């Protein structure tokens, strides 16, 4: 099969982009990424984009047309991927599969989201309703903020099933914020959060849903942001002027989907589609979990940080929270997870999230992250991006080019 490589990455600081338009965001995502890959728009054969909330929050669909307004992109093959919060991962998947099919040599995946207004303010209820459309209709009744509510219920099930405490799960955001403090592109870069802060109910930190364990500090951010990765086949590499040590292979990838309604699933704590996606990506790459040195996972809530450690195979079933509590996911641990700060502290601009996860893993392998966050010895990296209530799963395994 055709080999596919990541050759360039660019992202904005996540958080508040104020009056920056979607058109400007797309331009500013794509152009520097291409420049870093030693290319220009004329060598790009295909583009896939993600921007889940743009239709309802920004009154803008047909993002491909906006991308075509950037210099050099008119007349190109451009599509928009939609797979809830896994839309960014889906966009990369779309480009990679076209390349593997021989339909393109150089491709671009771009993710954007503008979730705040020109003053940086957000409409929480509107955003909750927009994101709630990625849930099953039967699960929206009586829930103002659908996904925090659903994941709080999953969190309670997890704690009961495995004898896990809130204290153990609180280590997920502690690690995330600690890493974000070293990442200047992270939304919560300047915010310090201790374990006591996560456990103490005061100020901004509160229980999201009465009677359920999820707290504010355990939730991802409402973010503006953009991200773009440039991909190339071996033929595409000849069209670019990229540094050899800035070439990283997508060694394995997979996308799977679990049923949408979590109330009707008996595997919600062990989602079969998510596990299948990880296993398929490892098999394609010809590796086992023992080869994974660093990971970026979809910690939209602390419970997903814990479960993701299990899904990627680093923790056994039911031991994910303890993996974080024991320091194994920390920067100096067995397998550092979310060295970027994750969705909890780096930020979660929906369409850009999956692209940024792969981009950060690429930056780890090419040694382009801030030194305090750099993992020194990397065999392979894995990214695990989900959409909806652990419904859509996009997984990528990366390794340095041999």
Protein backbone atom coordinates (compact mmCIF):
# COMPACT_ATOMS: atom_id res chain seq x y z
CA UNK A 1 0.00 0.00 0.00
CA UNK A 2 1.03 3.60 -0.58
CA UNK A 3 2.86 5.10 2.39
CA UNK A 4 1.57 8.43 3.71
CA UNK A 5 3.55 10.97 5.71
CA UNK A 6 2.89 14.10 7.72
CA UNK A 7 5.26 16.82 6.54
CA UNK A 8 3.95 20.03 8.09
CA UNK A 9 1.75 21.32 10.87
CA UNK A 10 0.36 24.65 12.01
CA UNK A 11 -2.15 25.73 14.64
CA UNK A 12 -3.39 28.87 16.33
CA UNK A 13 -3.37 29.51 20.03
CA UNK A 14 -6.59 28.00 21.31
CA UNK A 15 -9.02 30.15 23.25
CA UNK A 16 -10.28 33.47 21.93
CA UNK A 17 -9.63 34.64 18.36
CA UNK A 18 -11.88 37.68 18.85
CA UNK A 19 -12.94 39.21 15.50
CA UNK A 20 -10.97 36.83 13.25
CA UNK A 21 -13.29 35.55 10.50
CA UNK A 22 -13.61 31.93 9.41
CA UNK A 23 -12.14 32.89 6.04
CA UNK A 24 -9.07 34.36 7.70
CA UNK A 25 -8.77 31.34 10.02
CA UNK A 26 -8.71 28.94 7.07
CA UNK A 27 -6.07 31.01 5.29
CA UNK A 28 -3.91 31.33 8.40
CA UNK A 29 -4.19 27.60 9.12
CA UNK A 30 -3.23 26.38 5.65
CA UNK A 31 -0.55 28.74 4.40
CA UNK A 32 2.03 28.40 7.22
CA UNK A 33 1.51 24.63 7.31
CA UNK A 34 2.35 24.41 3.61
CA UNK A 35 5.31 26.74 4.03
CA UNK A 36 6.70 24.51 6.78
CA UNK A 37 6.34 21.53 4.45
CA UNK A 38 8.32 23.35 1.78
CA UNK A 39 5.31 23.62 -0.51
CA UNK A 40 2.77 25.99 -1.99
CA UNK A 41 -0.95 25.57 -2.75
CA UNK A 42 -0.26 24.59 -6.36
CA UNK A 43 1.10 21.17 -5.27
CA UNK A 44 -1.97 20.33 -3.16
CA UNK A 45 -4.21 17.72 -4.80
CA UNK A 46 -6.95 17.37 -2.18
CA UNK A 47 -8.25 19.08 0.95
CA UNK A 48 -10.58 17.84 3.68
CA UNK A 49 -11.91 20.22 6.30
CA UNK A 50 -13.73 20.12 9.62
CA UNK A 51 -15.87 22.76 11.28
CA UNK A 52 -18.75 21.14 13.15
CA UNK A 53 -20.43 24.21 14.64
CA UNK A 54 -20.01 26.74 11.86
CA UNK A 55 -23.50 26.36 10.40
CA UNK A 56 -25.31 27.06 13.67
CA UNK A 57 -22.80 29.31 15.46
CA UNK A 58 -21.42 31.30 12.53
CA UNK A 59 -24.23 31.05 9.95
CA UNK A 60 -21.78 29.47 7.53
CA UNK A 61 -21.98 26.14 5.75
CA UNK A 62 -20.02 25.24 2.59
CA UNK A 63 -16.63 25.79 4.21
CA UNK A 64 -15.01 24.35 1.11
CA UNK A 65 -16.00 27.47 -0.80
CA UNK A 66 -14.30 29.64 1.81
CA UNK A 67 -11.16 27.53 1.55
CA UNK A 68 -11.23 27.96 -2.22
CA UNK A 69 -10.98 31.72 -1.69
CA UNK A 70 -7.48 31.37 -0.25
CA UNK A 71 -4.83 32.09 -2.92
CA UNK A 72 -4.10 29.00 -5.01
CA UNK A 73 -6.99 26.85 -3.76
CA UNK A 74 -9.65 27.68 -6.35
CA UNK A 75 -10.59 24.69 -8.46
CA UNK A 76 -9.22 22.08 -6.07
CA UNK A 77 -10.96 19.01 -4.66
CA UNK A 78 -12.21 20.16 -1.25
CA UNK A 79 -14.67 18.39 1.03
CA UNK A 80 -15.96 18.98 4.57
CA UNK A 81 -15.92 16.12 7.08
CA UNK A 82 -18.63 15.83 9.76
CA UNK A 83 -18.27 13.28 12.53
CA UNK A 84 -19.10 15.31 15.65
CA UNK A 85 -15.99 16.00 17.77
CA UNK A 86 -14.08 13.46 15.64
CA UNK A 87 -14.55 15.64 12.55
CA UNK A 88 -10.89 16.71 12.56
CA UNK A 89 -9.71 13.11 12.73
CA UNK A 90 -12.21 12.24 10.01
CA UNK A 91 -10.76 14.97 7.77
CA UNK A 92 -7.27 13.47 8.08
CA UNK A 93 -8.74 10.01 7.49
CA UNK A 94 -10.41 11.25 4.29
CA UNK A 95 -7.15 12.62 2.92
CA UNK A 96 -5.11 9.55 3.89
CA UNK A 97 -7.56 7.10 2.30
CA UNK A 98 -7.51 9.07 -0.98
CA UNK A 99 -3.74 8.98 -0.98
CA UNK A 100 -3.67 5.25 -0.26
CA UNK A 101 -6.05 4.82 -3.21
CA UNK A 102 -3.63 6.67 -5.49
CA UNK A 103 -5.88 9.71 -5.96
CA UNK A 104 -3.54 12.34 -4.51
CA UNK A 105 0.15 12.91 -3.74
CA UNK A 106 -0.11 15.98 -1.51
CA UNK A 107 -3.09 16.69 0.73
CA UNK A 108 -4.18 19.07 3.43
CA UNK A 109 -6.48 18.53 6.42
CA UNK A 110 -7.80 21.67 8.10
CA UNK A 111 -9.94 22.08 11.20
CA UNK A 112 -11.53 25.30 12.43
CA UNK A 113 -14.03 26.39 15.03
CA UNK A 114 -15.24 29.83 16.12
CA UNK A 115 -17.22 29.25 19.31
CA UNK A 116 -16.94 32.74 20.83
CA UNK A 117 -18.02 36.16 19.60
CA UNK A 118 -15.87 39.15 18.61
CA UNK A 119 -15.48 40.10 22.28
CA UNK A 120 -14.44 36.58 23.24
CA UNK A 121 -17.73 35.86 24.98
CA UNK A 122 -19.74 32.66 24.58
CA UNK A 123 -23.41 31.75 24.59
CA UNK A 124 -23.27 28.63 26.75
CA UNK A 125 -26.84 27.50 26.21
CA UNK A 126 -26.61 27.92 22.43
CA UNK A 127 -23.31 26.02 22.31
CA UNK A 128 -24.83 23.29 24.48
CA UNK A 129 -27.77 22.99 22.08
CA UNK A 130 -25.51 22.91 19.01
CA UNK A 131 -23.24 20.23 20.44
CA UNK A 132 -26.28 18.35 21.71
CA UNK A 133 -27.32 17.67 18.12
CA UNK A 134 -24.55 15.04 18.07
CA UNK A 135 -26.45 12.99 20.66
CA UNK A 136 -29.49 10.74 20.29
CA UNK A 137 -32.78 12.70 20.53
CA UNK A 138 -34.05 10.40 23.30
CA UNK A 139 -31.11 11.44 25.49
CA UNK A 140 -31.66 15.20 25.27
CA UNK A 141 -34.86 15.48 27.31
CA UNK A 142 -34.31 17.35 30.55
CA UNK A 143 -30.64 18.09 29.79
CA UNK A 144 -29.64 21.74 29.31
CA UNK A 145 -26.02 20.76 28.64
CA UNK A 146 -26.34 17.40 26.95
CA UNK A 147 -22.79 16.10 26.76
CA UNK A 148 -21.63 17.06 30.26
CA UNK A 149 -24.77 15.33 31.52
CA UNK A 150 -24.24 12.16 29.48
CA UNK A 151 -20.57 11.90 30.40
CA UNK A 152 -21.36 12.59 34.06
CA UNK A 153 -23.68 9.58 33.92
CA UNK A 154 -20.94 7.49 32.29
CA UNK A 155 -18.53 8.70 34.97
CA UNK A 156 -20.89 7.53 37.71
CA UNK A 157 -21.23 4.12 36.03
CA UNK A 158 -17.47 3.82 35.76
CA UNK A 159 -16.91 4.68 39.41
CA UNK A 160 -19.53 2.18 40.56
CA UNK A 161 -18.36 -0.61 38.25
CA UNK A 162 -14.67 -0.31 39.11
CA UNK A 163 -14.65 1.09 42.63
CA UNK A 164 -12.99 4.30 41.43
CA UNK A 165 -13.12 7.50 43.46
CA UNK A 166 -13.47 11.14 42.49
CA UNK A 167 -10.02 11.67 44.00
CA UNK A 168 -8.46 9.29 41.47
CA UNK A 169 -10.25 10.81 38.47
CA UNK A 170 -9.17 14.30 39.59
CA UNK A 171 -5.60 13.53 38.52
CA UNK A 172 -6.61 13.71 34.83
CA UNK A 173 -7.14 17.50 34.85
CA UNK A 174 -4.18 18.02 37.19
CA UNK A 175 -1.85 16.45 34.61
CA UNK A 176 -3.56 18.30 31.76
CA UNK A 177 -3.20 21.73 33.37
CA UNK A 178 0.40 21.05 34.38
CA UNK A 179 1.28 20.29 30.76
CA UNK A 180 -0.69 23.26 29.44
CA UNK A 181 1.37 25.55 31.68
CA UNK A 182 4.33 24.77 29.40
CA UNK A 183 2.38 25.01 26.12
CA UNK A 184 2.04 28.65 24.99
CA UNK A 185 -0.68 27.65 22.49
CA UNK A 186 -2.90 26.20 25.22
CA UNK A 187 -6.02 28.08 26.26
CA UNK A 188 -5.31 27.52 29.97
CA UNK A 189 -1.58 28.21 29.65
CA UNK A 190 -1.50 30.57 32.62
CA UNK A 191 -3.98 28.76 34.87
CA UNK A 192 -2.61 26.66 37.74
CA UNK A 193 -4.82 23.81 39.01
CA UNK A 194 -3.93 21.49 41.87
CA UNK A 195 -5.57 18.29 43.02
CA UNK A 196 -7.12 20.22 45.91
CA UNK A 197 -8.56 22.73 43.43
CA UNK A 198 -10.30 19.95 41.48
CA UNK A 199 -11.74 18.42 44.63
CA UNK A 200 -12.82 21.68 46.30
CA UNK A 201 -16.30 22.91 45.37
CA UNK A 202 -15.94 26.67 45.38
CA UNK A 203 -15.56 29.55 42.93
CA UNK A 204 -15.71 28.39 39.31
CA UNK A 205 -15.44 24.71 40.30
CA UNK A 206 -18.81 23.06 40.86
CA UNK A 207 -20.69 19.87 40.10
CA UNK A 208 -22.10 20.16 36.57
CA UNK A 209 -25.20 18.06 37.28
CA UNK A 210 -26.73 17.64 40.74
CA UNK A 211 -26.17 14.14 42.07
CA UNK A 212 -23.45 13.28 39.52
CA UNK A 213 -19.67 13.46 40.07
CA UNK A 214 -18.40 15.58 37.12
CA UNK A 215 -16.91 18.96 38.12
CA UNK A 216 -16.00 22.11 36.17
CA UNK A 217 -12.24 21.53 36.20
CA UNK A 218 -12.84 18.09 34.70
CA UNK A 219 -14.45 19.52 31.56
CA UNK A 220 -12.89 20.63 28.27
CA UNK A 221 -12.90 24.27 27.19
CA UNK A 222 -15.10 26.33 24.86
CA UNK A 223 -12.53 27.42 22.32
CA UNK A 224 -11.80 29.22 19.09
CA UNK A 225 -8.97 27.72 17.11
CA UNK A 226 -7.60 26.34 13.87
CA UNK A 227 -5.13 23.61 12.89
CA UNK A 228 -3.79 22.15 9.66
CA UNK A 229 -1.59 19.19 8.70
CA UNK A 230 0.07 18.62 5.34
CA UNK A 231 0.26 15.03 4.12
CA UNK A 232 2.27 13.50 1.29
CA UNK A 233 2.98 10.18 -0.36
CA UNK A 234 6.53 9.26 -1.36
CA UNK A 235 5.77 10.80 -4.75
CA UNK A 236 4.45 13.88 -2.97
CA UNK A 237 7.66 14.23 -0.98
CA UNK A 238 9.49 14.86 -4.24
CA UNK A 239 7.22 17.86 -4.88
CA UNK A 240 8.07 19.42 -1.53
CA UNK A 241 11.19 20.78 0.11
CA UNK A 242 10.65 19.39 3.57
CA UNK A 243 13.47 18.63 6.00
CA UNK A 244 14.04 14.85 6.31
CA UNK A 245 13.74 15.00 10.10
CA UNK A 246 10.33 16.69 9.74
CA UNK A 247 8.79 13.69 7.96
CA UNK A 248 6.64 11.35 10.06
CA UNK A 249 4.79 8.32 8.72
CA UNK A 250 1.15 7.57 9.41
CA UNK A 251 1.91 3.93 10.05
CA UNK A 252 -1.62 2.90 10.97
CA UNK A 253 -5.08 4.42 11.03
CA UNK A 254 -8.70 3.37 11.51
CA UNK A 255 -12.18 4.75 11.96
CA UNK A 256 -15.06 2.92 13.63
CA UNK A 257 -18.51 3.88 14.94
CA UNK A 258 -20.46 2.70 17.98
CA UNK A 259 -24.26 3.13 18.40
CA UNK A 260 -25.32 6.65 19.35
CA UNK A 261 -27.67 6.07 22.29
CA UNK A 262 -25.55 5.19 25.33
CA UNK A 263 -28.66 4.26 27.35
CA UNK A 264 -29.16 1.25 25.07
CA UNK A 265 -25.53 0.08 25.09
CA UNK A 266 -24.24 -2.53 27.49
CA UNK A 267 -20.66 -1.80 26.40
CA UNK A 268 -20.56 1.93 27.12
CA UNK A 269 -17.62 1.47 29.53
CA UNK A 270 -15.87 -0.72 26.99
CA UNK A 271 -16.99 0.62 23.58
CA UNK A 272 -16.37 -2.11 21.03
CA UNK A 273 -15.97 0.25 18.06
CA UNK A 274 -13.37 2.37 19.84
CA UNK A 275 -11.36 -0.70 20.84
CA UNK A 276 -11.68 -2.07 17.29
CA UNK A 277 -10.34 1.19 15.82
CA UNK A 278 -7.26 1.13 18.08
CA UNK A 279 -6.58 -2.54 17.41
CA UNK A 280 -6.97 -2.07 13.64
CA UNK A 281 -4.55 0.87 13.64
CA UNK A 282 -1.98 -1.09 15.67
CA UNK A 283 -2.34 -4.07 13.33
CA UNK A 284 -1.86 -1.90 10.25
CA UNK A 285 1.25 -0.38 11.81
CA UNK A 286 2.55 -3.84 12.71
CA UNK A 287 2.97 -2.96 16.39
CA UNK A 288 1.55 -3.65 19.83
CA UNK A 289 0.72 -1.20 22.57
CA UNK A 290 4.22 -1.80 23.98
CA UNK A 291 5.58 0.22 21.05
CA UNK A 292 3.54 3.30 22.02
CA UNK A 293 5.68 5.90 23.79
CA UNK A 294 3.34 8.91 23.84
CA UNK A 295 -0.36 9.54 23.23
CA UNK A 296 -2.89 12.28 22.59
CA UNK A 297 -6.40 11.23 23.61
CA UNK A 298 -9.84 12.82 23.66
CA UNK A 299 -10.20 13.96 27.28
CA UNK A 300 -13.36 15.99 26.70
CA UNK A 301 -14.07 15.10 30.34
CA UNK A 302 -11.86 13.48 32.96
CA UNK A 303 -13.71 10.19 32.60
CA UNK A 304 -12.60 10.02 28.95
CA UNK A 305 -8.99 10.58 29.96
CA UNK A 306 -9.30 7.53 32.21
CA UNK A 307 -11.19 5.38 29.72
CA UNK A 308 -8.90 6.40 26.86
CA UNK A 309 -5.88 5.04 28.72
CA UNK A 310 -7.70 1.71 28.72
CA UNK A 311 -8.89 1.93 25.12
CA UNK A 312 -5.39 2.57 23.74
CA UNK A 313 -4.20 -0.39 25.83
CA UNK A 314 -1.94 1.34 28.32
CA UNK A 315 -4.17 0.55 31.29
CA UNK A 316 -6.17 -2.61 31.84
CA UNK A 317 -9.95 -2.40 31.91
CA UNK A 318 -11.11 -0.46 34.94
CA UNK A 319 -7.61 0.77 35.81
CA UNK A 320 -7.50 3.89 33.64
CA UNK A 321 -8.11 6.38 36.43
CA UNK A 322 -5.40 4.74 38.52
CA UNK A 323 -3.00 5.00 35.56
CA UNK A 324 -3.24 8.79 35.87
CA UNK A 325 -3.31 8.80 39.67
CA UNK A 326 -0.12 6.72 39.79
CA UNK A 327 1.70 9.20 37.53
CA UNK A 328 2.04 6.82 34.59
CA UNK A 329 0.41 9.34 32.19
CA UNK A 330 2.53 12.25 33.41
CA UNK A 331 5.37 13.73 31.38
CA UNK A 332 7.94 11.55 33.18
CA UNK A 333 5.66 8.53 33.39
CA UNK A 334 5.44 5.20 31.58
CA UNK A 335 3.53 6.71 28.62
CA UNK A 336 2.96 10.48 28.72
CA UNK A 337 -0.61 11.25 27.66
CA UNK A 338 -1.82 14.65 26.43
CA UNK A 339 1.47 16.44 26.79
CA UNK A 340 -0.25 19.28 24.89
CA UNK A 341 -2.62 19.87 27.82
CA UNK A 342 -5.41 17.90 26.15
CA UNK A 343 -8.92 19.15 25.53
CA UNK A 344 -9.28 19.98 29.22
CA UNK A 345 -6.50 22.55 29.28
CA UNK A 346 -5.18 23.03 25.73
CA UNK A 347 -8.73 23.70 24.52
CA UNK A 348 -11.40 22.07 22.39
CA UNK A 349 -12.25 24.00 19.21
CA UNK A 350 -14.34 21.11 17.90
CA UNK A 351 -13.37 20.97 14.22
CA UNK A 352 -9.70 21.64 14.96
CA UNK A 353 -9.36 19.17 17.84
CA UNK A 354 -8.66 15.95 15.95
CA UNK A 355 -6.25 17.72 13.59
CA UNK A 356 -4.42 19.26 16.55
CA UNK A 357 -4.08 15.90 18.29
CA UNK A 358 -2.28 14.42 15.28
CA UNK A 359 -0.33 17.64 14.78
CA UNK A 360 0.95 17.62 18.36
CA UNK A 361 1.97 13.96 18.11
CA UNK A 362 3.84 14.86 14.90
CA UNK A 363 5.51 17.73 16.73
CA UNK A 364 6.56 15.36 19.53
CA UNK A 365 8.24 12.97 17.12
CA UNK A 366 9.97 15.82 15.24
CA UNK A 367 11.05 17.42 18.54
CA UNK A 368 9.22 20.70 17.97
CA UNK A 369 7.34 20.97 21.28
CA UNK A 370 8.52 23.08 24.24
CA UNK A 371 11.41 21.35 25.98
CA UNK A 372 9.63 20.65 29.30
CA UNK A 373 7.02 18.69 27.34
CA UNK A 374 9.37 16.85 24.99
CA UNK A 375 9.36 13.07 25.30
CA UNK A 376 12.92 12.08 24.52
CA UNK A 377 12.64 8.51 23.30
CA UNK A 378 9.66 7.88 21.03
CA UNK A 379 9.03 4.61 19.26
CA UNK A 380 5.45 5.27 18.08
CA UNK A 381 2.74 7.78 19.00
CA UNK A 382 -1.02 7.19 19.00
CA UNK A 383 -3.93 9.62 18.80
CA UNK A 384 -7.50 8.74 19.77
CA UNK A 385 -10.21 11.22 18.72
CA UNK A 386 -13.90 10.60 19.50
CA UNK A 387 -17.15 12.14 18.38
CA UNK A 388 -20.42 12.13 20.31
CA UNK A 389 -20.94 9.91 23.38
CA UNK A 390 -17.99 7.59 22.57
CA UNK A 391 -19.60 7.01 19.19
CA UNK A 392 -17.24 7.91 16.33
CA UNK A 393 -13.58 6.97 16.82
CA UNK A 394 -10.63 8.04 14.65
CA UNK A 395 -7.21 6.59 15.52
CA UNK A 396 -3.77 7.29 14.06
CA UNK A 397 -0.41 5.66 14.79
CA UNK A 398 2.66 7.73 13.91
CA UNK A 399 6.34 6.86 13.61
CA UNK A 400 9.45 8.58 12.31
CA UNK A 401 10.24 7.94 8.65
CA UNK A 402 12.67 5.08 8.10
